[in-house]
């Protein structure tokens, strides 16, 4: 007859449901303006965090590669900058002006610390300015072509993921030189 016994935890749950102590949880809505404000806040944090990485790496080590077959530290950061420009442009529709094309990361004149810091800073400023101008009512608008056609919101997520990915890759470059990289910044 032990199969008719009810475990104490089940009794507690049953009493909660039957006495009305259980309340329905509901999600709060988030506005387009709040989404936009969060993107701005996160891009400001990402800019500061990336500048910490750029300042942590000694100027004479910007050409350092973890192995010969990959980008140098400078090239990683220049790739990040180009990605910021092109992905944010796709997300917001803002036009890119006075910024080198995709060859920036291999440009011999762009490999110095000063040049890298300039281009990376400019790319974050472009991202922030473009996001601030974006009409939040357009976040659900489709943009792009073919397999790359997605919402402006999705493009913003992809842009943020891209810069995070490449900044993260440079952590190993800094560690291989015996330098401690900047601490994680989630907030």
N, C-alpha and C. Protein backbone atom coordinates (compact mmCIF):
# COMPACT_ATOMS: atom_id res chain seq x y z
N UNK A 1 0.79 -1.19 0.00
CA UNK A 1 0.00 0.00 0.00
C UNK A 1 0.85 1.27 0.00
N UNK A 2 2.16 1.16 0.02
CA UNK A 2 3.02 2.33 0.07
C UNK A 2 2.93 3.17 -1.20
N UNK A 3 2.41 2.62 -2.28
CA UNK A 3 2.32 3.40 -3.52
C UNK A 3 1.26 4.50 -3.44
N UNK A 4 0.45 4.52 -2.44
CA UNK A 4 -0.54 5.58 -2.26
C UNK A 4 -0.03 6.72 -1.39
N UNK A 5 1.18 6.54 -0.83
CA UNK A 5 1.74 7.60 0.00
C UNK A 5 2.24 8.73 -0.89
N UNK A 6 2.04 9.94 -0.47
CA UNK A 6 2.48 11.12 -1.23
C UNK A 6 3.70 11.70 -0.53
N UNK A 7 4.70 12.00 -1.30
CA UNK A 7 5.93 12.57 -0.74
C UNK A 7 5.65 13.96 -0.19
N UNK A 8 6.37 14.38 0.84
CA UNK A 8 6.16 15.70 1.44
C UNK A 8 6.30 16.85 0.45
N UNK A 9 7.27 16.80 -0.48
CA UNK A 9 7.45 17.88 -1.45
C UNK A 9 6.22 18.03 -2.33
N UNK A 10 5.63 16.89 -2.71
CA UNK A 10 4.44 16.95 -3.54
C UNK A 10 3.28 17.58 -2.77
N UNK A 11 3.20 17.29 -1.49
CA UNK A 11 2.15 17.89 -0.65
C UNK A 11 2.32 19.41 -0.57
N UNK A 12 3.54 19.86 -0.45
CA UNK A 12 3.79 21.30 -0.37
C UNK A 12 3.37 21.97 -1.68
N UNK A 13 3.78 21.41 -2.81
CA UNK A 13 3.40 21.98 -4.10
C UNK A 13 1.89 21.96 -4.29
N UNK A 14 1.25 20.87 -3.92
CA UNK A 14 -0.19 20.76 -4.04
C UNK A 14 -0.88 21.83 -3.19
N UNK A 15 -0.37 22.08 -2.02
CA UNK A 15 -1.00 23.09 -1.16
C UNK A 15 -0.79 24.49 -1.72
N UNK A 16 0.36 24.74 -2.32
CA UNK A 16 0.61 26.06 -2.91
C UNK A 16 -0.38 26.32 -4.05
N UNK A 17 -0.53 25.34 -4.95
CA UNK A 17 -1.44 25.51 -6.09
C UNK A 17 -2.89 25.61 -5.64
N UNK A 18 -3.28 24.79 -4.67
CA UNK A 18 -4.69 24.75 -4.28
C UNK A 18 -5.10 25.92 -3.40
N UNK A 19 -4.17 26.58 -2.72
CA UNK A 19 -4.54 27.69 -1.85
C UNK A 19 -4.38 29.04 -2.53
N UNK A 20 -3.95 29.08 -3.75
CA UNK A 20 -3.84 30.34 -4.47
C UNK A 20 -2.59 31.12 -4.14
N UNK A 21 -1.63 30.53 -3.44
CA UNK A 21 -0.41 31.23 -3.13
C UNK A 21 0.51 31.32 -4.36
N UNK A 22 0.26 30.47 -5.32
CA UNK A 22 1.05 30.50 -6.54
C UNK A 22 0.54 31.64 -7.41
N UNK A 23 1.41 32.54 -7.79
CA UNK A 23 0.99 33.65 -8.64
C UNK A 23 1.56 33.48 -10.03
N UNK A 24 0.80 33.92 -10.98
CA UNK A 24 1.24 33.83 -12.37
C UNK A 24 2.34 34.85 -12.62
N UNK A 25 3.42 34.40 -13.20
CA UNK A 25 4.52 35.29 -13.56
C UNK A 25 4.26 35.82 -14.97
N UNK A 26 4.55 37.08 -15.18
CA UNK A 26 4.38 37.63 -16.52
C UNK A 26 5.62 38.44 -16.88
N UNK A 27 5.94 38.42 -18.15
CA UNK A 27 7.10 39.16 -18.64
C UNK A 27 6.69 40.60 -18.91
N UNK A 28 7.61 41.50 -18.67
CA UNK A 28 7.36 42.90 -18.99
C UNK A 28 7.79 43.17 -20.41
N UNK A 29 7.10 44.07 -21.05
CA UNK A 29 7.46 44.45 -22.41
C UNK A 29 8.68 45.37 -22.36
N UNK A 30 9.45 45.32 -23.43
CA UNK A 30 10.59 46.22 -23.57
C UNK A 30 10.36 47.02 -24.85
N UNK A 31 10.59 48.30 -24.77
CA UNK A 31 10.34 49.16 -25.92
C UNK A 31 11.56 49.18 -26.84
N UNK A 32 11.33 49.64 -28.05
CA UNK A 32 12.42 49.81 -29.00
C UNK A 32 13.46 50.82 -28.50
N UNK A 33 13.00 51.86 -27.83
CA UNK A 33 13.92 52.85 -27.26
C UNK A 33 14.79 52.22 -26.18
N UNK A 34 14.22 51.33 -25.38
CA UNK A 34 14.99 50.65 -24.34
C UNK A 34 16.01 49.69 -24.95
N UNK A 35 15.63 49.03 -26.02
CA UNK A 35 16.57 48.14 -26.72
C UNK A 35 17.73 48.97 -27.28
N UNK A 36 17.40 50.07 -27.93
CA UNK A 36 18.42 50.95 -28.49
C UNK A 36 19.35 51.48 -27.40
N UNK A 37 18.78 51.89 -26.28
CA UNK A 37 19.59 52.39 -25.16
C UNK A 37 20.53 51.31 -24.63
N UNK A 38 20.08 50.06 -24.59
CA UNK A 38 20.93 48.97 -24.14
C UNK A 38 22.07 48.73 -25.12
N UNK A 39 21.78 48.79 -26.43
CA UNK A 39 22.84 48.66 -27.43
C UNK A 39 23.89 49.76 -27.25
N UNK A 40 23.45 50.99 -27.06
CA UNK A 40 24.39 52.11 -26.86
C UNK A 40 25.25 51.84 -25.63
N UNK A 41 24.62 51.45 -24.55
CA UNK A 41 25.35 51.18 -23.30
C UNK A 41 26.39 50.06 -23.51
N UNK A 42 26.00 49.00 -24.21
CA UNK A 42 26.92 47.89 -24.44
C UNK A 42 28.06 48.28 -25.38
N UNK A 43 27.77 49.08 -26.41
CA UNK A 43 28.83 49.51 -27.32
C UNK A 43 29.79 50.48 -26.64
N UNK A 44 29.29 51.31 -25.74
CA UNK A 44 30.19 52.18 -24.96
C UNK A 44 31.12 51.34 -24.10
N UNK A 45 30.57 50.32 -23.46
CA UNK A 45 31.37 49.41 -22.63
C UNK A 45 32.39 48.68 -23.49
N UNK A 46 31.96 48.19 -24.65
CA UNK A 46 32.86 47.45 -25.54
C UNK A 46 34.00 48.34 -26.04
N UNK A 47 33.69 49.59 -26.34
CA UNK A 47 34.73 50.52 -26.79
C UNK A 47 35.79 50.70 -25.71
N UNK A 48 35.35 50.97 -24.50
CA UNK A 48 36.27 51.16 -23.38
C UNK A 48 37.11 49.90 -23.13
N UNK A 49 36.45 48.76 -23.18
CA UNK A 49 37.12 47.48 -22.94
C UNK A 49 38.17 47.21 -24.02
N UNK A 50 37.82 47.47 -25.27
CA UNK A 50 38.76 47.24 -26.37
C UNK A 50 39.94 48.21 -26.29
N UNK A 51 39.68 49.46 -25.92
CA UNK A 51 40.78 50.41 -25.74
C UNK A 51 41.72 49.95 -24.62
N UNK A 52 41.18 49.32 -23.60
CA UNK A 52 42.04 48.74 -22.56
C UNK A 52 42.96 47.68 -23.16
N UNK A 53 42.43 46.85 -24.04
CA UNK A 53 43.25 45.84 -24.71
C UNK A 53 44.34 46.51 -25.54
N UNK A 54 43.96 47.52 -26.29
CA UNK A 54 44.93 48.22 -27.14
C UNK A 54 46.03 48.87 -26.31
N UNK A 55 45.68 49.38 -25.15
CA UNK A 55 46.67 50.02 -24.29
C UNK A 55 47.48 49.01 -23.47
N UNK A 56 46.96 47.82 -23.29
CA UNK A 56 47.70 46.77 -22.58
C UNK A 56 48.83 46.21 -23.43
N UNK A 57 48.58 46.10 -24.73
CA UNK A 57 49.61 45.56 -25.63
C UNK A 57 50.67 46.63 -25.87
N UNK A 58 51.94 46.31 -25.59
CA UNK A 58 53.01 47.27 -25.85
C UNK A 58 53.07 47.64 -27.34
N UNK A 59 53.38 48.89 -27.62
CA UNK A 59 53.41 49.39 -29.00
C UNK A 59 54.35 48.57 -29.89
N UNK A 60 55.45 48.11 -29.34
CA UNK A 60 56.41 47.36 -30.15
C UNK A 60 56.00 45.89 -30.36
N UNK A 61 54.84 45.49 -29.83
CA UNK A 61 54.35 44.12 -29.99
C UNK A 61 53.09 44.03 -30.85
N UNK A 62 52.70 45.10 -31.49
CA UNK A 62 51.50 45.08 -32.32
C UNK A 62 51.62 44.13 -33.52
N UNK A 63 52.84 43.83 -33.93
CA UNK A 63 53.05 42.90 -35.04
C UNK A 63 53.11 41.44 -34.58
N UNK A 64 53.00 41.21 -33.28
CA UNK A 64 53.09 39.86 -32.72
C UNK A 64 51.97 38.97 -33.23
N UNK A 65 52.35 37.72 -33.58
CA UNK A 65 51.39 36.68 -33.97
C UNK A 65 51.59 35.49 -33.04
N UNK A 66 50.51 34.88 -32.62
CA UNK A 66 50.61 33.69 -31.79
C UNK A 66 51.27 32.55 -32.57
N UNK A 67 50.93 32.42 -33.84
CA UNK A 67 51.59 31.51 -34.79
C UNK A 67 51.63 32.22 -36.14
N UNK A 68 52.51 31.78 -37.01
CA UNK A 68 52.71 32.48 -38.29
C UNK A 68 51.48 32.51 -39.20
N UNK A 69 50.60 31.54 -39.08
CA UNK A 69 49.50 31.43 -40.04
C UNK A 69 48.27 32.27 -39.69
N UNK A 70 48.34 33.09 -38.64
CA UNK A 70 47.18 33.89 -38.25
C UNK A 70 47.51 35.39 -38.28
N UNK A 71 46.49 36.20 -38.06
CA UNK A 71 46.67 37.65 -38.04
C UNK A 71 47.55 38.07 -36.87
N UNK A 72 48.23 39.18 -37.05
CA UNK A 72 48.97 39.80 -35.94
C UNK A 72 47.95 40.47 -35.02
N UNK A 73 48.41 40.91 -33.87
CA UNK A 73 47.55 41.64 -32.95
C UNK A 73 46.93 42.85 -33.66
N UNK A 74 47.76 43.62 -34.35
CA UNK A 74 47.27 44.80 -35.08
C UNK A 74 46.24 44.40 -36.12
N UNK A 75 46.51 43.34 -36.87
CA UNK A 75 45.57 42.90 -37.90
C UNK A 75 44.24 42.44 -37.30
N UNK A 76 44.29 41.76 -36.17
CA UNK A 76 43.04 41.36 -35.49
C UNK A 76 42.21 42.58 -35.15
N UNK A 77 42.85 43.58 -34.58
CA UNK A 77 42.13 44.78 -34.17
C UNK A 77 41.65 45.60 -35.36
N UNK A 78 42.42 45.63 -36.43
CA UNK A 78 41.98 46.32 -37.64
C UNK A 78 40.82 45.58 -38.31
N UNK A 79 40.86 44.25 -38.24
CA UNK A 79 39.74 43.46 -38.73
C UNK A 79 38.49 43.75 -37.91
N UNK A 80 38.64 43.83 -36.60
CA UNK A 80 37.54 44.19 -35.70
C UNK A 80 36.96 45.54 -36.13
N UNK A 81 37.83 46.52 -36.38
CA UNK A 81 37.38 47.86 -36.76
C UNK A 81 36.61 47.83 -38.07
N UNK A 82 37.13 47.14 -39.07
CA UNK A 82 36.43 47.04 -40.35
C UNK A 82 35.08 46.36 -40.17
N UNK A 83 35.06 45.30 -39.38
CA UNK A 83 33.80 44.61 -39.10
C UNK A 83 32.79 45.52 -38.44
N UNK A 84 33.25 46.32 -37.48
CA UNK A 84 32.35 47.27 -36.83
C UNK A 84 31.71 48.18 -37.88
N UNK A 85 32.52 48.71 -38.75
CA UNK A 85 32.03 49.66 -39.76
C UNK A 85 31.01 49.00 -40.69
N UNK A 86 31.37 47.87 -41.26
CA UNK A 86 30.52 47.26 -42.28
C UNK A 86 29.27 46.61 -41.69
N UNK A 87 29.39 45.97 -40.54
CA UNK A 87 28.22 45.34 -39.93
C UNK A 87 27.25 46.37 -39.36
N UNK A 88 27.77 47.43 -38.77
CA UNK A 88 26.90 48.49 -38.25
C UNK A 88 26.23 49.23 -39.40
N UNK A 89 26.94 49.43 -40.49
CA UNK A 89 26.33 50.05 -41.66
C UNK A 89 25.17 49.19 -42.17
N UNK A 90 25.37 47.88 -42.21
CA UNK A 90 24.30 46.97 -42.63
C UNK A 90 23.12 47.03 -41.66
N UNK A 91 23.42 47.18 -40.37
CA UNK A 91 22.36 47.21 -39.35
C UNK A 91 21.56 48.50 -39.38
N UNK A 92 22.24 49.61 -39.58
CA UNK A 92 21.58 50.91 -39.41
C UNK A 92 21.27 51.62 -40.71
N UNK A 93 21.97 51.24 -41.78
CA UNK A 93 21.79 51.93 -43.05
C UNK A 93 22.66 53.16 -43.18
N UNK A 94 23.45 53.47 -42.15
CA UNK A 94 24.34 54.63 -42.20
C UNK A 94 25.45 54.37 -43.21
N UNK A 95 25.79 55.38 -43.98
CA UNK A 95 26.85 55.27 -44.98
C UNK A 95 28.22 55.45 -44.35
N UNK A 96 29.17 54.67 -44.81
CA UNK A 96 30.55 54.75 -44.35
C UNK A 96 31.27 55.77 -45.22
N UNK A 97 31.91 56.73 -44.57
CA UNK A 97 32.69 57.72 -45.32
C UNK A 97 34.10 57.79 -44.74
N UNK A 98 35.04 58.00 -45.61
CA UNK A 98 36.44 58.19 -45.22
C UNK A 98 36.97 57.08 -44.32
N UNK A 99 36.73 55.87 -44.71
CA UNK A 99 37.28 54.73 -43.97
C UNK A 99 37.78 53.74 -45.01
N UNK A 100 39.02 53.25 -44.84
CA UNK A 100 39.57 52.30 -45.82
C UNK A 100 38.68 51.07 -45.98
N UNK A 101 38.78 50.45 -47.11
CA UNK A 101 38.00 49.24 -47.38
C UNK A 101 38.54 48.04 -46.64
N UNK A 102 38.21 46.89 -47.14
CA UNK A 102 38.56 45.63 -46.48
C UNK A 102 40.06 45.37 -46.42
N UNK A 103 40.87 46.11 -47.14
CA UNK A 103 42.31 45.91 -47.12
C UNK A 103 43.02 46.57 -45.94
N UNK A 104 42.24 47.17 -45.05
CA UNK A 104 42.83 47.89 -43.93
C UNK A 104 43.75 47.00 -43.09
N UNK A 105 43.32 45.79 -42.81
CA UNK A 105 44.11 44.96 -41.90
C UNK A 105 45.46 44.54 -42.47
N UNK A 106 45.63 44.64 -43.77
CA UNK A 106 46.93 44.30 -44.37
C UNK A 106 47.69 45.54 -44.84
N UNK A 107 47.14 46.71 -44.64
CA UNK A 107 47.80 47.95 -45.05
C UNK A 107 49.06 48.16 -44.19
N UNK A 108 50.23 48.28 -44.83
CA UNK A 108 51.47 48.46 -44.06
C UNK A 108 51.47 49.73 -43.21
N UNK A 109 50.77 50.77 -43.65
CA UNK A 109 50.77 52.02 -42.89
C UNK A 109 49.79 52.02 -41.73
N UNK A 110 48.98 51.00 -41.60
CA UNK A 110 47.98 50.96 -40.54
C UNK A 110 48.38 50.09 -39.36
N UNK A 111 49.59 49.54 -39.37
CA UNK A 111 49.98 48.53 -38.38
C UNK A 111 50.53 49.08 -37.07
N UNK A 112 50.77 50.37 -36.98
CA UNK A 112 51.33 50.94 -35.74
C UNK A 112 50.24 51.09 -34.68
N UNK A 113 50.66 51.18 -33.44
CA UNK A 113 49.69 51.33 -32.35
C UNK A 113 48.82 52.57 -32.57
N UNK A 114 49.43 53.69 -32.93
CA UNK A 114 48.65 54.91 -33.13
C UNK A 114 47.58 54.73 -34.21
N UNK A 115 47.94 54.10 -35.31
CA UNK A 115 46.99 53.88 -36.40
C UNK A 115 45.88 52.92 -35.99
N UNK A 116 46.25 51.85 -35.33
CA UNK A 116 45.26 50.86 -34.90
C UNK A 116 44.28 51.50 -33.92
N UNK A 117 44.80 52.22 -32.95
CA UNK A 117 43.93 52.89 -31.97
C UNK A 117 43.00 53.88 -32.69
N UNK A 118 43.53 54.60 -33.64
CA UNK A 118 42.71 55.55 -34.40
C UNK A 118 41.55 54.84 -35.10
N UNK A 119 41.85 53.79 -35.88
CA UNK A 119 40.80 53.10 -36.65
C UNK A 119 39.80 52.38 -35.75
N UNK A 120 40.29 51.77 -34.70
CA UNK A 120 39.38 51.08 -33.78
C UNK A 120 38.46 52.08 -33.09
N UNK A 121 39.02 53.18 -32.62
CA UNK A 121 38.21 54.21 -31.96
C UNK A 121 37.18 54.77 -32.94
N UNK A 122 37.62 55.04 -34.13
CA UNK A 122 36.70 55.57 -35.16
C UNK A 122 35.57 54.59 -35.44
N UNK A 123 35.86 53.31 -35.45
CA UNK A 123 34.83 52.32 -35.73
C UNK A 123 33.79 52.25 -34.61
N UNK A 124 34.25 52.36 -33.37
CA UNK A 124 33.30 52.37 -32.25
C UNK A 124 32.48 53.66 -32.25
N UNK A 125 33.11 54.77 -32.57
CA UNK A 125 32.36 56.03 -32.64
C UNK A 125 31.29 55.95 -33.73
N UNK A 126 31.64 55.35 -34.86
CA UNK A 126 30.66 55.17 -35.94
C UNK A 126 29.50 54.29 -35.46
N UNK A 127 29.83 53.22 -34.77
CA UNK A 127 28.79 52.33 -34.25
C UNK A 127 27.85 53.08 -33.31
N UNK A 128 28.43 53.80 -32.37
CA UNK A 128 27.61 54.53 -31.39
C UNK A 128 26.76 55.61 -32.06
N UNK A 129 27.35 56.39 -32.93
CA UNK A 129 26.59 57.45 -33.61
C UNK A 129 25.47 56.85 -34.47
N UNK A 130 25.76 55.77 -35.16
CA UNK A 130 24.78 55.15 -36.04
C UNK A 130 23.62 54.55 -35.25
N UNK A 131 23.93 53.89 -34.16
CA UNK A 131 22.88 53.29 -33.33
C UNK A 131 22.02 54.39 -32.71
N UNK A 132 22.65 55.47 -32.27
CA UNK A 132 21.89 56.56 -31.67
C UNK A 132 20.93 57.21 -32.68
N UNK A 133 21.29 57.22 -33.96
CA UNK A 133 20.43 57.79 -35.00
C UNK A 133 19.32 56.83 -35.44
N UNK A 134 19.49 55.55 -35.18
CA UNK A 134 18.57 54.54 -35.68
C UNK A 134 17.17 54.69 -35.08
N UNK A 135 16.18 54.71 -35.94
CA UNK A 135 14.79 54.73 -35.50
C UNK A 135 14.48 53.34 -34.94
N UNK A 136 14.17 53.23 -33.64
CA UNK A 136 13.93 51.90 -33.06
C UNK A 136 12.75 51.17 -33.69
N UNK A 137 11.89 51.90 -34.37
CA UNK A 137 10.78 51.26 -35.08
C UNK A 137 11.25 50.44 -36.28
N UNK A 138 12.52 50.61 -36.64
CA UNK A 138 13.07 49.88 -37.79
C UNK A 138 13.88 48.65 -37.39
N UNK A 139 13.92 48.34 -36.10
CA UNK A 139 14.72 47.19 -35.65
C UNK A 139 14.26 45.88 -36.28
N UNK A 140 12.99 45.76 -36.59
CA UNK A 140 12.46 44.55 -37.20
C UNK A 140 12.50 44.54 -38.71
N UNK A 141 12.98 45.62 -39.31
CA UNK A 141 13.05 45.74 -40.77
C UNK A 141 14.12 44.81 -41.34
N UNK A 142 13.79 44.13 -42.43
CA UNK A 142 14.74 43.24 -43.09
C UNK A 142 15.69 44.04 -43.96
N UNK A 143 16.95 43.65 -43.93
CA UNK A 143 17.96 44.28 -44.76
C UNK A 143 19.00 43.24 -45.15
N UNK A 144 19.76 43.50 -46.18
CA UNK A 144 20.73 42.54 -46.67
C UNK A 144 20.19 41.79 -47.87
N UNK A 145 20.97 40.84 -48.35
CA UNK A 145 20.57 40.09 -49.55
C UNK A 145 20.79 38.61 -49.35
N UNK A 146 19.99 37.82 -50.02
CA UNK A 146 20.15 36.36 -50.01
C UNK A 146 20.16 35.78 -48.62
N UNK A 147 21.15 34.93 -48.36
CA UNK A 147 21.28 34.30 -47.04
C UNK A 147 21.63 35.31 -45.96
N UNK A 148 22.08 36.48 -46.35
CA UNK A 148 22.45 37.52 -45.39
C UNK A 148 21.33 38.53 -45.17
N UNK A 149 20.13 38.17 -45.54
CA UNK A 149 18.99 39.05 -45.31
C UNK A 149 18.41 38.72 -43.94
N UNK A 150 18.41 39.72 -43.08
CA UNK A 150 17.90 39.53 -41.72
C UNK A 150 17.46 40.88 -41.16
N UNK A 151 16.98 40.91 -39.96
CA UNK A 151 16.50 42.16 -39.37
C UNK A 151 17.66 43.06 -38.96
N UNK A 152 17.37 44.33 -38.83
CA UNK A 152 18.37 45.27 -38.34
C UNK A 152 18.81 44.89 -36.93
N UNK A 153 17.86 44.41 -36.13
CA UNK A 153 18.17 43.94 -34.78
C UNK A 153 19.19 42.81 -34.83
N UNK A 154 18.99 41.84 -35.72
CA UNK A 154 19.92 40.72 -35.85
C UNK A 154 21.30 41.20 -36.32
N UNK A 155 21.34 42.18 -37.23
CA UNK A 155 22.62 42.73 -37.67
C UNK A 155 23.36 43.36 -36.50
N UNK A 156 22.63 44.08 -35.63
CA UNK A 156 23.26 44.68 -34.46
C UNK A 156 23.86 43.61 -33.55
N UNK A 157 23.13 42.51 -33.38
CA UNK A 157 23.65 41.41 -32.56
C UNK A 157 24.91 40.80 -33.20
N UNK A 158 24.87 40.62 -34.51
CA UNK A 158 26.02 40.05 -35.21
C UNK A 158 27.24 40.97 -35.12
N UNK A 159 27.02 42.27 -35.24
CA UNK A 159 28.12 43.23 -35.13
C UNK A 159 28.76 43.14 -33.75
N UNK A 160 27.94 43.08 -32.72
CA UNK A 160 28.47 43.01 -31.36
C UNK A 160 29.21 41.70 -31.14
N UNK A 161 28.65 40.62 -31.65
CA UNK A 161 29.31 39.31 -31.53
C UNK A 161 30.67 39.32 -32.23
N UNK A 162 30.74 39.93 -33.40
CA UNK A 162 31.98 39.96 -34.17
C UNK A 162 33.09 40.67 -33.42
N UNK A 163 32.81 41.86 -32.89
CA UNK A 163 33.86 42.59 -32.19
C UNK A 163 34.27 41.88 -30.90
N UNK A 164 33.31 41.26 -30.24
CA UNK A 164 33.63 40.51 -29.02
C UNK A 164 34.53 39.32 -29.34
N UNK A 165 34.22 38.64 -30.42
CA UNK A 165 35.00 37.47 -30.85
C UNK A 165 36.46 37.84 -31.12
N UNK A 166 36.66 38.91 -31.91
CA UNK A 166 38.03 39.25 -32.28
C UNK A 166 38.80 39.88 -31.13
N UNK A 167 38.15 40.65 -30.28
CA UNK A 167 38.85 41.15 -29.09
C UNK A 167 39.25 39.96 -28.22
N UNK A 168 38.34 39.01 -28.05
CA UNK A 168 38.63 37.82 -27.26
C UNK A 168 39.80 37.03 -27.81
N UNK A 169 39.91 36.96 -29.13
CA UNK A 169 41.05 36.24 -29.71
C UNK A 169 42.37 36.86 -29.31
N UNK A 170 42.39 38.16 -29.13
CA UNK A 170 43.66 38.81 -28.81
C UNK A 170 44.10 38.57 -27.37
N UNK A 171 43.24 38.01 -26.56
CA UNK A 171 43.61 37.69 -25.18
C UNK A 171 44.83 36.77 -25.16
N UNK A 172 44.84 35.78 -26.03
CA UNK A 172 45.95 34.82 -26.04
C UNK A 172 47.24 35.49 -26.49
N UNK A 173 47.16 36.47 -27.38
CA UNK A 173 48.34 37.19 -27.82
C UNK A 173 49.00 37.87 -26.62
N UNK A 174 48.16 38.54 -25.83
CA UNK A 174 48.66 39.26 -24.66
C UNK A 174 49.23 38.28 -23.64
N UNK A 175 48.52 37.18 -23.40
CA UNK A 175 48.99 36.18 -22.42
C UNK A 175 50.30 35.53 -22.86
N UNK A 176 50.45 35.26 -24.15
CA UNK A 176 51.68 34.64 -24.64
C UNK A 176 52.89 35.54 -24.43
N UNK A 177 52.66 36.83 -24.31
CA UNK A 177 53.75 37.77 -24.04
C UNK A 177 53.99 37.94 -22.54
N UNK A 178 53.27 37.15 -21.74
CA UNK A 178 53.45 37.22 -20.29
C UNK A 178 52.78 38.43 -19.64
N UNK A 179 51.81 39.00 -20.32
CA UNK A 179 51.10 40.18 -19.82
C UNK A 179 49.69 39.75 -19.43
N UNK A 180 49.20 40.33 -18.37
CA UNK A 180 47.83 40.02 -17.94
C UNK A 180 46.84 40.87 -18.75
N UNK A 181 45.87 40.22 -19.41
CA UNK A 181 44.88 41.01 -20.18
C UNK A 181 43.89 41.70 -19.24
N UNK A 182 43.18 42.68 -19.76
CA UNK A 182 42.17 43.36 -18.94
C UNK A 182 41.13 42.37 -18.42
N UNK A 183 40.60 42.64 -17.24
CA UNK A 183 39.56 41.79 -16.66
C UNK A 183 38.26 41.92 -17.44
N UNK A 184 37.48 40.85 -17.42
CA UNK A 184 36.17 40.82 -18.07
C UNK A 184 35.31 41.97 -17.60
N UNK A 185 34.52 42.51 -18.51
CA UNK A 185 33.59 43.60 -18.19
C UNK A 185 32.23 43.28 -18.76
N UNK A 186 31.37 42.71 -17.94
CA UNK A 186 30.02 42.44 -18.41
C UNK A 186 29.10 43.63 -18.17
N UNK A 187 29.47 44.50 -17.26
CA UNK A 187 28.61 45.65 -16.93
C UNK A 187 29.43 46.93 -16.88
